[in-house]
Amino acid sequence: MPKKAMNDLLKRRMSAAQQASELQISDEAYEKLYREAPPAANTCIRDIPLDKLSPFFTADIGFKPYTPEQLRAFADQLNEEGLMVRIIVRPIAGGDSFEILAGHNRTSAARLAGWTEIPAEIVEADDARAIVIATSTNLIQRQNLSIIERGKAYKALLDAKNRHGQWYIDTNETFGENRQKFRQLQCTTDHAGSWHPIEPYTQSHVL
């Protein structure tokens, strides 16, 4: 097999694995948070016009976008290699637009690259699952997130969980964070005035 064909095959396989891992990560996180599997829902894959996409608006998850320099580099990569991992979206009720759950930087880079459409995986997700997808994919894959960004993401997860009447998170480590890091996140977001814990800190609160 020629080298180029082999490289293309490896890229396709890597892309498929990465795509599967994004939803797998979010589903595993959902099960840890809610102690049950996410509701079964249909998914479909198709190209979506960029003007039909809206940024995630269900909750303030606090992730900063890439810098202009990073986006330009990403746009160049898209034009050279194509999109490795589809974005994840859900339909917006009452129209033909979609809310981005994972892939804001991919979408911005695609616009900068001059694309008019972007490959997407469309999922049916309630607000709880949408928040888990939007936060978990970033928390796992973006290792350079600030403590404020992580704190806001955890707050969004806790708020969503509390709205469902579930007050405890019964795991010692989630998203690669240990108890010391969680305590730092709690203190930081408390100081910023955006997170006021409803219970004293205990091991059962570790996310």
N, C-alpha and C. Protein backbone atom coordinates (compact mmCIF):
# COMPACT_ATOMS: atom_id res chain seq x y z
N MET A 1 0.85 -1.20 0.00
CA MET A 1 0.00 0.00 0.00
C MET A 1 0.89 1.24 0.00
N PRO A 2 0.65 2.19 -0.93
CA PRO A 2 1.46 3.41 -0.97
C PRO A 2 1.41 4.14 0.37
N LYS A 3 2.48 4.91 0.64
CA LYS A 3 2.58 5.61 1.93
C LYS A 3 1.42 6.55 2.15
N LYS A 4 1.03 7.33 1.12
CA LYS A 4 -0.07 8.29 1.29
C LYS A 4 -1.37 7.57 1.63
N ALA A 5 -1.65 6.47 0.94
CA ALA A 5 -2.87 5.73 1.20
C ALA A 5 -2.87 5.18 2.62
N MET A 6 -1.70 4.70 3.08
CA MET A 6 -1.59 4.19 4.44
C MET A 6 -1.83 5.31 5.45
N ASN A 7 -1.24 6.48 5.21
CA ASN A 7 -1.44 7.61 6.12
C ASN A 7 -2.91 8.01 6.18
N ASP A 8 -3.58 8.03 5.01
CA ASP A 8 -4.99 8.38 4.98
C ASP A 8 -5.83 7.36 5.76
N LEU A 9 -5.48 6.09 5.63
CA LEU A 9 -6.20 5.04 6.34
C LEU A 9 -6.02 5.20 7.85
N LEU A 10 -4.80 5.47 8.28
CA LEU A 10 -4.53 5.65 9.70
C LEU A 10 -5.27 6.87 10.25
N LYS A 11 -5.32 7.94 9.45
CA LYS A 11 -6.05 9.14 9.89
C LYS A 11 -7.53 8.85 10.06
N ARG A 12 -8.10 8.08 9.13
CA ARG A 12 -9.52 7.76 9.22
C ARG A 12 -9.80 6.91 10.46
N ARG A 13 -8.92 5.95 10.72
CA ARG A 13 -9.11 5.10 11.90
C ARG A 13 -8.95 5.90 13.19
N MET A 14 -7.97 6.80 13.22
CA MET A 14 -7.77 7.63 14.40
C MET A 14 -8.96 8.55 14.60
N SER A 15 -9.48 9.11 13.50
CA SER A 15 -10.64 10.00 13.59
C SER A 15 -11.84 9.25 14.15
N ALA A 16 -12.07 8.03 13.66
CA ALA A 16 -13.20 7.24 14.15
C ALA A 16 -13.07 6.94 15.64
N ALA A 17 -11.84 6.62 16.07
CA ALA A 17 -11.62 6.33 17.49
C ALA A 17 -11.83 7.57 18.34
N GLN A 18 -11.33 8.73 17.87
CA GLN A 18 -11.51 9.96 18.62
C GLN A 18 -12.97 10.36 18.70
N GLN A 19 -13.70 10.16 17.59
CA GLN A 19 -15.12 10.50 17.58
C GLN A 19 -15.88 9.66 18.59
N ALA A 20 -15.59 8.35 18.59
CA ALA A 20 -16.26 7.47 19.53
C ALA A 20 -15.91 7.83 20.96
N SER A 21 -14.66 8.24 21.18
CA SER A 21 -14.23 8.52 22.55
C SER A 21 -14.93 9.75 23.11
N GLU A 22 -15.26 10.75 22.29
CA GLU A 22 -15.93 11.94 22.80
C GLU A 22 -17.29 11.60 23.42
N LEU A 23 -18.08 10.83 22.71
CA LEU A 23 -19.37 10.45 23.25
C LEU A 23 -19.23 9.43 24.38
N GLN A 24 -18.23 8.55 24.27
CA GLN A 24 -18.01 7.58 25.34
C GLN A 24 -17.61 8.29 26.63
N ILE A 25 -16.73 9.28 26.52
CA ILE A 25 -16.32 10.05 27.69
C ILE A 25 -17.53 10.69 28.35
N SER A 26 -18.38 11.32 27.54
CA SER A 26 -19.53 12.02 28.11
C SER A 26 -20.53 11.04 28.72
N ASP A 27 -20.72 9.89 28.08
CA ASP A 27 -21.65 8.91 28.63
C ASP A 27 -21.14 8.32 29.95
N GLU A 28 -19.83 8.07 30.02
CA GLU A 28 -19.26 7.57 31.27
C GLU A 28 -19.38 8.60 32.38
N ALA A 29 -19.15 9.87 32.03
CA ALA A 29 -19.29 10.93 33.03
C ALA A 29 -20.73 11.03 33.50
N TYR A 30 -21.68 10.91 32.56
CA TYR A 30 -23.10 10.97 32.92
C TYR A 30 -23.44 9.86 33.91
N GLU A 31 -22.95 8.65 33.64
CA GLU A 31 -23.25 7.52 34.52
C GLU A 31 -22.67 7.74 35.92
N LYS A 32 -21.48 8.34 36.00
CA LYS A 32 -20.89 8.61 37.31
C LYS A 32 -21.69 9.65 38.07
N LEU A 33 -22.17 10.66 37.36
CA LEU A 33 -22.90 11.74 38.01
C LEU A 33 -24.30 11.33 38.43
N TYR A 34 -25.00 10.63 37.54
CA TYR A 34 -26.41 10.35 37.77
C TYR A 34 -26.70 8.90 38.15
N ARG A 35 -25.65 8.08 38.19
CA ARG A 35 -25.78 6.67 38.58
C ARG A 35 -26.73 5.91 37.66
N GLU A 36 -26.79 6.32 36.44
CA GLU A 36 -27.59 5.64 35.44
C GLU A 36 -27.07 6.03 34.07
N ALA A 37 -27.37 5.18 33.09
CA ALA A 37 -26.95 5.49 31.73
C ALA A 37 -27.76 6.64 31.17
N PRO A 38 -27.19 7.42 30.26
CA PRO A 38 -27.96 8.51 29.65
C PRO A 38 -29.14 7.94 28.88
N PRO A 39 -30.22 8.70 28.75
CA PRO A 39 -31.38 8.20 28.02
C PRO A 39 -31.01 7.80 26.60
N ALA A 40 -31.55 6.68 26.16
CA ALA A 40 -31.30 6.23 24.79
C ALA A 40 -31.88 7.24 23.81
N ALA A 41 -31.10 7.56 22.79
CA ALA A 41 -31.55 8.55 21.82
C ALA A 41 -30.90 8.28 20.48
N ASN A 42 -31.60 8.66 19.43
CA ASN A 42 -31.07 8.48 18.08
C ASN A 42 -30.00 9.52 17.78
N THR A 43 -29.06 9.16 16.96
CA THR A 43 -28.05 10.10 16.47
C THR A 43 -27.99 9.98 14.95
N CYS A 44 -27.55 11.04 14.30
CA CYS A 44 -27.32 10.98 12.87
C CYS A 44 -26.11 11.85 12.53
N ILE A 45 -25.54 11.59 11.40
CA ILE A 45 -24.32 12.29 10.97
C ILE A 45 -24.60 12.96 9.63
N ARG A 46 -24.29 14.24 9.55
CA ARG A 46 -24.41 14.95 8.27
C ARG A 46 -23.67 16.28 8.35
N ASP A 47 -23.44 16.87 7.20
CA ASP A 47 -22.84 18.19 7.15
C ASP A 47 -23.90 19.24 7.47
N ILE A 48 -23.53 20.22 8.31
CA ILE A 48 -24.47 21.26 8.71
C ILE A 48 -23.90 22.62 8.29
N PRO A 49 -24.72 23.47 7.68
CA PRO A 49 -24.24 24.82 7.34
C PRO A 49 -23.80 25.56 8.60
N LEU A 50 -22.71 26.28 8.50
CA LEU A 50 -22.17 26.97 9.67
C LEU A 50 -23.13 28.03 10.20
N ASP A 51 -23.95 28.61 9.31
CA ASP A 51 -24.87 29.64 9.79
C ASP A 51 -26.09 29.06 10.52
N LYS A 52 -26.16 27.73 10.63
CA LYS A 52 -27.22 27.08 11.39
C LYS A 52 -26.75 26.67 12.79
N LEU A 53 -25.55 27.05 13.15
CA LEU A 53 -24.96 26.63 14.42
C LEU A 53 -24.93 27.78 15.42
N SER A 54 -25.30 27.48 16.66
CA SER A 54 -25.24 28.45 17.75
C SER A 54 -24.31 27.93 18.84
N PRO A 55 -23.56 28.82 19.49
CA PRO A 55 -22.71 28.38 20.61
C PRO A 55 -23.56 27.79 21.74
N PHE A 56 -22.92 27.01 22.58
CA PHE A 56 -23.61 26.39 23.71
C PHE A 56 -24.18 27.47 24.62
N PHE A 57 -25.49 27.41 24.87
CA PHE A 57 -26.14 28.45 25.67
C PHE A 57 -26.93 27.89 26.84
N THR A 58 -26.96 26.58 27.02
CA THR A 58 -27.77 25.98 28.07
C THR A 58 -27.24 26.32 29.46
N ALA A 59 -25.93 26.46 29.60
CA ALA A 59 -25.33 26.80 30.89
C ALA A 59 -24.02 27.54 30.64
N ASP A 60 -23.57 28.30 31.65
CA ASP A 60 -22.29 29.00 31.56
C ASP A 60 -21.20 28.04 31.99
N ILE A 61 -20.53 27.42 31.00
CA ILE A 61 -19.50 26.44 31.33
C ILE A 61 -18.11 27.06 31.35
N GLY A 62 -17.95 28.29 30.89
CA GLY A 62 -16.76 29.07 31.18
C GLY A 62 -15.50 28.77 30.41
N PHE A 63 -15.55 27.96 29.35
CA PHE A 63 -14.32 27.65 28.62
C PHE A 63 -13.97 28.79 27.66
N LYS A 64 -12.70 29.19 27.67
CA LYS A 64 -12.25 30.24 26.77
C LYS A 64 -11.95 29.66 25.39
N PRO A 65 -12.26 30.40 24.32
CA PRO A 65 -11.93 29.92 22.98
C PRO A 65 -10.44 30.00 22.72
N TYR A 66 -10.02 29.36 21.63
CA TYR A 66 -8.63 29.46 21.21
C TYR A 66 -8.29 30.91 20.89
N THR A 67 -7.02 31.24 20.99
CA THR A 67 -6.55 32.56 20.60
C THR A 67 -6.62 32.69 19.08
N PRO A 68 -6.60 33.92 18.54
CA PRO A 68 -6.61 34.09 17.08
C PRO A 68 -5.47 33.33 16.40
N GLU A 69 -4.30 33.31 17.03
CA GLU A 69 -3.16 32.59 16.44
C GLU A 69 -3.43 31.10 16.39
N GLN A 70 -4.00 30.55 17.46
CA GLN A 70 -4.33 29.13 17.48
C GLN A 70 -5.39 28.79 16.43
N LEU A 71 -6.37 29.66 16.29
CA LEU A 71 -7.43 29.42 15.31
C LEU A 71 -6.89 29.47 13.88
N ARG A 72 -5.98 30.40 13.62
CA ARG A 72 -5.40 30.47 12.27
C ARG A 72 -4.62 29.19 11.96
N ALA A 73 -3.86 28.72 12.92
CA ALA A 73 -3.11 27.47 12.72
C ALA A 73 -4.07 26.30 12.52
N PHE A 74 -5.14 26.28 13.30
CA PHE A 74 -6.13 25.22 13.19
C PHE A 74 -6.82 25.28 11.82
N ALA A 75 -7.14 26.49 11.36
CA ALA A 75 -7.77 26.65 10.05
C ALA A 75 -6.86 26.13 8.93
N ASP A 76 -5.58 26.43 9.02
CA ASP A 76 -4.62 25.93 8.03
C ASP A 76 -4.60 24.40 8.04
N GLN A 77 -4.63 23.83 9.23
CA GLN A 77 -4.63 22.37 9.36
C GLN A 77 -5.89 21.77 8.74
N LEU A 78 -7.03 22.42 8.97
CA LEU A 78 -8.27 21.92 8.38
C LEU A 78 -8.21 21.91 6.86
N ASN A 79 -7.65 22.97 6.29
CA ASN A 79 -7.57 23.03 4.83
C ASN A 79 -6.59 22.01 4.27
N GLU A 80 -5.59 21.66 5.05
CA GLU A 80 -4.59 20.69 4.59
C GLU A 80 -5.03 19.25 4.82
N GLU A 81 -5.64 18.98 5.98
CA GLU A 81 -5.90 17.60 6.38
C GLU A 81 -7.38 17.27 6.52
N GLY A 82 -8.25 18.28 6.52
CA GLY A 82 -9.65 18.02 6.76
C GLY A 82 -9.94 17.93 8.25
N LEU A 83 -11.20 17.73 8.57
CA LEU A 83 -11.63 17.66 9.97
C LEU A 83 -11.47 16.23 10.47
N MET A 84 -10.70 16.06 11.53
CA MET A 84 -10.44 14.73 12.08
C MET A 84 -11.60 14.20 12.90
N VAL A 85 -12.26 15.10 13.65
CA VAL A 85 -13.34 14.68 14.55
C VAL A 85 -14.54 15.59 14.34
N ARG A 86 -15.68 14.99 14.05
CA ARG A 86 -16.90 15.78 13.84
C ARG A 86 -17.27 16.52 15.13
N ILE A 87 -17.95 17.66 14.96
CA ILE A 87 -18.51 18.35 16.11
C ILE A 87 -19.76 17.60 16.58
N ILE A 88 -20.19 17.87 17.80
CA ILE A 88 -21.41 17.26 18.35
C ILE A 88 -22.41 18.38 18.61
N VAL A 89 -23.61 18.22 18.11
CA VAL A 89 -24.64 19.25 18.26
C VAL A 89 -25.96 18.60 18.67
N ARG A 90 -26.90 19.45 19.12
CA ARG A 90 -28.27 18.97 19.33
C ARG A 90 -29.23 19.97 18.69
N PRO A 91 -30.39 19.50 18.24
CA PRO A 91 -31.35 20.41 17.59
C PRO A 91 -31.87 21.45 18.58
N ILE A 92 -32.12 22.64 18.08
CA ILE A 92 -32.78 23.69 18.87
C ILE A 92 -34.26 23.63 18.56
N ALA A 93 -35.06 23.51 19.60
CA ALA A 93 -36.50 23.34 19.41
C ALA A 93 -37.10 24.51 18.64
N GLY A 94 -38.02 24.17 17.76
CA GLY A 94 -38.76 25.20 17.05
C GLY A 94 -38.08 25.77 15.82
N GLY A 95 -37.06 25.11 15.32
CA GLY A 95 -36.37 25.63 14.15
C GLY A 95 -35.47 24.58 13.52
N ASP A 96 -34.63 25.03 12.61
CA ASP A 96 -33.71 24.11 11.93
C ASP A 96 -32.26 24.40 12.28
N SER A 97 -32.05 25.03 13.44
CA SER A 97 -30.69 25.34 13.90
C SER A 97 -30.25 24.35 14.96
N PHE A 98 -28.97 24.43 15.33
CA PHE A 98 -28.40 23.47 16.26
C PHE A 98 -27.51 24.18 17.29
N GLU A 99 -27.50 23.63 18.49
CA GLU A 99 -26.63 24.12 19.56
C GLU A 99 -25.37 23.26 19.59
N ILE A 100 -24.22 23.91 19.59
CA ILE A 100 -22.96 23.17 19.62
C ILE A 100 -22.71 22.65 21.03
N LEU A 101 -22.51 21.34 21.16
CA LEU A 101 -22.16 20.74 22.44
C LEU A 101 -20.65 20.51 22.56
N ALA A 102 -20.04 20.12 21.48
CA ALA A 102 -18.58 19.92 21.45
C ALA A 102 -18.08 20.33 20.07
N GLY A 103 -17.09 21.23 20.05
CA GLY A 103 -16.52 21.62 18.77
C GLY A 103 -16.60 23.09 18.44
N HIS A 104 -16.63 23.95 19.47
CA HIS A 104 -16.68 25.39 19.20
C HIS A 104 -15.43 25.87 18.45
N ASN A 105 -14.27 25.41 18.87
CA ASN A 105 -13.04 25.85 18.20
C ASN A 105 -12.94 25.26 16.80
N ARG A 106 -13.42 24.03 16.61
CA ARG A 106 -13.45 23.44 15.27
C ARG A 106 -14.35 24.27 14.36
N THR A 107 -15.48 24.71 14.89
CA THR A 107 -16.41 25.51 14.10
C THR A 107 -15.81 26.87 13.74
N SER A 108 -15.18 27.52 14.71
CA SER A 108 -14.55 28.83 14.45
C SER A 108 -13.43 28.70 13.44
N ALA A 109 -12.64 27.64 13.55
CA ALA A 109 -11.54 27.42 12.60
C ALA A 109 -12.09 27.14 11.21
N ALA A 110 -13.20 26.41 11.13
CA ALA A 110 -13.80 26.12 9.83
C ALA A 110 -14.28 27.41 9.16
N ARG A 111 -14.87 28.31 9.94
CA ARG A 111 -15.29 29.60 9.38
C ARG A 111 -14.07 30.36 8.85
N LEU A 112 -13.01 30.36 9.64
CA LEU A 112 -11.81 31.08 9.25
C LEU A 112 -11.19 30.46 8.00
N ALA A 113 -11.36 29.15 7.86
CA ALA A 113 -10.81 28.46 6.69
C ALA A 113 -11.66 28.65 5.44
N GLY A 114 -12.82 29.31 5.60
CA GLY A 114 -13.67 29.57 4.45
C GLY A 114 -14.69 28.49 4.18
N TRP A 115 -14.86 27.56 5.12
CA TRP A 115 -15.86 26.51 4.94
C TRP A 115 -17.26 27.10 5.10
N THR A 116 -18.22 26.47 4.44
CA THR A 116 -19.62 26.86 4.62
C THR A 116 -20.40 25.80 5.40
N GLU A 117 -19.87 24.59 5.47
CA GLU A 117 -20.50 23.50 6.21
C GLU A 117 -19.45 22.78 7.03
N ILE A 118 -19.91 22.00 8.01
CA ILE A 118 -18.98 21.23 8.84
C ILE A 118 -19.63 19.89 9.19
N PRO A 119 -18.87 18.79 9.15
CA PRO A 119 -19.43 17.50 9.54
C PRO A 119 -19.82 17.50 11.02
N ALA A 120 -21.00 16.97 11.31
CA ALA A 120 -21.51 17.00 12.69
C ALA A 120 -22.23 15.71 13.02
N GLU A 121 -22.17 15.37 14.29
CA GLU A 121 -22.98 14.29 14.83
C GLU A 121 -24.12 14.93 15.62
N ILE A 122 -25.33 14.65 15.21
CA ILE A 122 -26.51 15.25 15.84
C ILE A 122 -27.06 14.27 16.87
N VAL A 123 -27.17 14.72 18.11
CA VAL A 123 -27.67 13.86 19.17
C VAL A 123 -28.92 14.48 19.78
N GLU A 124 -29.84 13.62 20.19
CA GLU A 124 -30.99 14.06 20.97
C GLU A 124 -30.57 14.03 22.43
N ALA A 125 -30.52 15.18 23.07
CA ALA A 125 -30.02 15.24 24.45
C ALA A 125 -30.83 16.24 25.25
N ASP A 126 -31.22 15.84 26.47
CA ASP A 126 -31.85 16.81 27.37
C ASP A 126 -30.77 17.73 27.93
N ASP A 127 -31.16 18.71 28.73
CA ASP A 127 -30.19 19.69 29.23
C ASP A 127 -29.09 19.03 30.05
N ALA A 128 -29.44 18.03 30.87
CA ALA A 128 -28.45 17.38 31.73
C ALA A 128 -27.37 16.72 30.89
N ARG A 129 -27.78 15.96 29.87
CA ARG A 129 -26.78 15.29 29.03
C ARG A 129 -26.00 16.30 28.20
N ALA A 130 -26.68 17.36 27.74
CA ALA A 130 -25.99 18.37 26.95
C ALA A 130 -24.87 19.02 27.76
N ILE A 131 -25.13 19.32 29.02
CA ILE A 131 -24.11 19.94 29.88
C ILE A 131 -22.95 18.97 30.12
N VAL A 132 -23.27 17.70 30.32
CA VAL A 132 -22.20 16.71 30.53
C VAL A 132 -21.33 16.60 29.29
N ILE A 133 -21.93 16.55 28.11
CA ILE A 133 -21.13 16.46 26.88
C ILE A 133 -20.26 17.70 26.73
N ALA A 134 -20.84 18.87 26.94
CA ALA A 134 -20.11 20.13 26.73
C ALA A 134 -18.95 20.29 27.70
N THR A 135 -19.11 19.82 28.93
CA THR A 135 -18.05 19.99 29.93
C THR A 135 -17.03 18.85 29.89
N SER A 136 -17.49 17.62 29.83
CA SER A 136 -16.57 16.49 29.97
C SER A 136 -15.58 16.41 28.82
N THR A 137 -16.03 16.70 27.60
CA THR A 137 -15.10 16.63 26.47
C THR A 137 -13.98 17.64 26.61
N ASN A 138 -14.28 18.82 27.15
CA ASN A 138 -13.24 19.82 27.37
C ASN A 138 -12.35 19.47 28.56
N LEU A 139 -12.95 19.03 29.65
CA LEU A 139 -12.17 18.73 30.85
C LEU A 139 -11.17 17.62 30.61
N ILE A 140 -11.54 16.64 29.81
CA ILE A 140 -10.64 15.52 29.54
C ILE A 140 -9.56 15.90 28.53
N GLN A 141 -9.94 16.58 27.46
CA GLN A 141 -9.03 16.75 26.34
C GLN A 141 -8.19 18.02 26.38
N ARG A 142 -8.64 19.05 27.10
CA ARG A 142 -7.89 20.31 27.12
C ARG A 142 -7.12 20.41 28.45
N GLN A 143 -5.88 20.01 28.40
CA GLN A 143 -5.07 19.95 29.62
C GLN A 143 -4.60 21.32 30.09
N ASN A 144 -4.72 22.34 29.26
CA ASN A 144 -4.23 23.68 29.63
C ASN A 144 -5.34 24.57 30.19
N LEU A 145 -6.44 24.01 30.60
CA LEU A 145 -7.52 24.82 31.17
C LEU A 145 -7.07 25.45 32.48
N SER A 146 -7.53 26.68 32.72
CA SER A 146 -7.20 27.35 33.98
C SER A 146 -8.08 26.80 35.10
N ILE A 147 -7.68 27.10 36.32
CA ILE A 147 -8.46 26.65 37.47
C ILE A 147 -9.84 27.30 37.48
N ILE A 148 -9.96 28.53 36.98
CA ILE A 148 -11.26 29.18 36.89
C ILE A 148 -12.15 28.47 35.87
N GLU A 149 -11.59 28.11 34.71
CA GLU A 149 -12.36 27.41 33.70
C GLU A 149 -12.87 26.07 34.23
N ARG A 150 -11.99 25.34 34.90
CA ARG A 150 -12.41 24.04 35.46
C ARG A 150 -13.47 24.24 36.55
N GLY A 151 -13.28 25.27 37.37
CA GLY A 151 -14.24 25.53 38.44
C GLY A 151 -15.63 25.82 37.89
N LYS A 152 -15.71 26.66 36.85
CA LYS A 152 -17.01 26.98 36.25
C LYS A 152 -17.64 25.74 35.63
N ALA A 153 -16.82 24.91 35.02
CA ALA A 153 -17.36 23.68 34.42
C ALA A 153 -17.94 22.77 35.50
N TYR A 154 -17.22 22.61 36.61
CA TYR A 154 -17.72 21.77 37.69
C TYR A 154 -18.99 22.37 38.29
N LYS A 155 -19.04 23.68 38.40
CA LYS A 155 -20.25 24.32 38.92
C LYS A 155 -21.45 24.02 38.03
N ALA A 156 -21.25 24.08 36.71
CA ALA A 156 -22.35 23.78 35.79
C ALA A 156 -22.82 22.34 35.95
N LEU A 157 -21.87 21.42 36.15
CA LEU A 157 -22.24 20.03 36.36
C LEU A 157 -23.01 19.85 37.67
N LEU A 158 -22.52 20.48 38.73
CA LEU A 158 -23.19 20.37 40.02
C LEU A 158 -24.59 20.99 39.99
N ASP A 159 -24.70 22.13 39.34
CA ASP A 159 -26.01 22.78 39.24
C ASP A 159 -27.00 21.89 38.49
N ALA A 160 -26.54 21.27 37.41
CA ALA A 160 -27.41 20.39 36.64
C ALA A 160 -27.83 19.18 37.48
N LYS A 161 -26.88 18.66 38.23
CA LYS A 161 -27.17 17.50 39.08
C LYS A 161 -28.16 17.87 40.18
N ASN A 162 -27.96 19.04 40.77
CA ASN A 162 -28.85 19.47 41.85
C ASN A 162 -30.27 19.71 41.35
N ARG A 163 -30.39 20.21 40.12
CA ARG A 163 -31.73 20.42 39.56
C ARG A 163 -32.49 19.12 39.41
N HIS A 164 -31.74 18.01 39.33
CA HIS A 164 -32.38 16.70 39.24
C HIS A 164 -32.58 16.06 40.61
N GLY A 165 -32.35 16.85 41.66
CA GLY A 165 -32.58 16.34 43.01
C GLY A 165 -31.51 15.41 43.52
N GLN A 166 -30.33 15.42 42.92
CA GLN A 166 -29.23 14.57 43.34
C GLN A 166 -28.14 15.48 43.88
N TRP A 167 -27.84 15.34 45.16
CA TRP A 167 -26.98 16.31 45.84
C TRP A 167 -25.55 15.84 46.04
N TYR A 168 -25.27 14.56 45.78
CA TYR A 168 -23.93 14.04 46.05
C TYR A 168 -23.32 13.44 44.80
N ILE A 169 -22.02 13.53 44.74
CA ILE A 169 -21.25 12.91 43.67
C ILE A 169 -20.40 11.83 44.31
N ASP A 170 -20.70 10.59 44.00
CA ASP A 170 -20.17 9.48 44.76
C ASP A 170 -18.96 8.86 44.08
N THR A 171 -17.94 9.63 43.84
CA THR A 171 -16.73 9.09 43.24
C THR A 171 -15.53 9.84 43.76
N ASN A 172 -14.39 9.14 43.85
CA ASN A 172 -13.19 9.74 44.42
C ASN A 172 -12.43 10.58 43.41
N GLU A 173 -12.50 10.22 42.14
CA GLU A 173 -11.83 11.01 41.11
C GLU A 173 -12.64 10.97 39.83
N THR A 174 -12.81 12.14 39.23
CA THR A 174 -13.48 12.24 37.95
C THR A 174 -12.74 13.28 37.11
N PHE A 175 -12.67 13.03 35.79
CA PHE A 175 -12.00 13.94 34.87
C PHE A 175 -10.53 14.14 35.24
N GLY A 176 -9.92 13.18 35.92
CA GLY A 176 -8.51 13.27 36.24
C GLY A 176 -8.18 14.22 37.37
N GLU A 177 -9.18 14.71 38.11
CA GLU A 177 -8.93 15.63 39.20
C GLU A 177 -8.86 14.88 40.52
N ASN A 178 -7.91 15.23 41.38
CA ASN A 178 -7.88 14.63 42.70
C ASN A 178 -8.52 15.57 43.71
N ARG A 179 -8.60 15.13 44.96
CA ARG A 179 -9.32 15.90 45.97
C ARG A 179 -8.68 17.26 46.23
N GLN A 180 -7.35 17.31 46.18
CA GLN A 180 -6.67 18.60 46.42
C GLN A 180 -7.04 19.60 45.33
N LYS A 181 -7.02 19.15 44.07
CA LYS A 181 -7.39 20.04 42.98
C LYS A 181 -8.84 20.47 43.09
N PHE A 182 -9.71 19.54 43.47
CA PHE A 182 -11.12 19.90 43.62
C PHE A 182 -11.29 20.98 44.68
N ARG A 183 -10.56 20.85 45.80
CA ARG A 183 -10.67 21.84 46.87
C ARG A 183 -10.18 23.20 46.39
N GLN A 184 -9.11 23.20 45.59
CA GLN A 184 -8.61 24.45 45.03
C GLN A 184 -9.66 25.08 44.11
N LEU A 185 -10.31 24.25 43.29
CA LEU A 185 -11.35 24.75 42.41
C LEU A 185 -12.50 25.34 43.21
N GLN A 186 -12.87 24.65 44.29
CA GLN A 186 -13.96 25.12 45.12
C GLN A 186 -13.63 26.48 45.73
N CYS A 187 -12.43 26.61 46.25
CA CYS A 187 -12.03 27.87 46.88
C CYS A 187 -11.95 28.99 45.85
N THR A 188 -11.42 28.67 44.67
CA THR A 188 -11.27 29.69 43.63
C THR A 188 -12.62 30.21 43.18
N THR A 189 -13.56 29.31 42.90
CA THR A 189 -14.86 29.77 42.43
C THR A 189 -15.65 30.43 43.55
N ASP A 190 -15.44 30.01 44.79
CA ASP A 190 -16.05 30.71 45.92
C ASP A 190 -15.57 32.15 45.96
N HIS A 191 -14.25 32.34 45.82
CA HIS A 191 -13.65 33.67 45.89
C HIS A 191 -14.18 34.55 44.76
N ALA A 192 -14.42 33.92 43.61
CA ALA A 192 -14.92 34.67 42.45
C ALA A 192 -16.41 34.97 42.58
N GLY A 193 -17.04 34.36 43.57
CA GLY A 193 -18.45 34.64 43.79
C GLY A 193 -19.39 33.88 42.89
N SER A 194 -18.90 32.81 42.25
CA SER A 194 -19.75 32.11 41.30
C SER A 194 -20.17 30.72 41.77
N TRP A 195 -19.67 30.27 42.91
CA TRP A 195 -20.03 28.94 43.37
C TRP A 195 -20.12 28.97 44.88
N HIS A 196 -21.27 28.71 45.42
CA HIS A 196 -21.46 28.66 46.85
C HIS A 196 -21.92 27.26 47.23
N PRO A 197 -21.04 26.41 47.75
CA PRO A 197 -21.39 25.02 48.02
C PRO A 197 -22.58 24.91 48.97
N ILE A 198 -23.42 23.92 48.72
CA ILE A 198 -24.60 23.73 49.53
C ILE A 198 -24.33 22.83 50.73
N GLU A 199 -23.18 22.17 50.73
CA GLU A 199 -22.82 21.27 51.83
C GLU A 199 -21.36 21.50 52.17
N PRO A 200 -20.93 21.21 53.40
CA PRO A 200 -19.51 21.26 53.71
C PRO A 200 -18.77 20.27 52.85
N TYR A 201 -17.49 20.53 52.60
CA TYR A 201 -16.69 19.65 51.75
C TYR A 201 -16.51 18.30 52.42
N THR A 202 -16.84 17.24 51.70
CA THR A 202 -16.57 15.87 52.15
C THR A 202 -16.10 15.09 50.95
N GLN A 203 -15.59 13.90 51.18
CA GLN A 203 -15.08 13.09 50.08
C GLN A 203 -16.19 12.79 49.08
N SER A 204 -17.44 12.67 49.56
CA SER A 204 -18.53 12.31 48.64
C SER A 204 -18.84 13.43 47.65
N HIS A 205 -18.29 14.63 47.89
CA HIS A 205 -18.51 15.74 46.96
C HIS A 205 -17.46 15.80 45.85
N VAL A 206 -16.43 14.97 45.92
CA VAL A 206 -15.36 15.06 44.92
C VAL A 206 -15.91 14.70 43.57
N LEU A 207 -15.54 15.54 42.57
CA LEU A 207 -16.06 15.33 41.22
C LEU A 207 -14.97 14.84 40.31
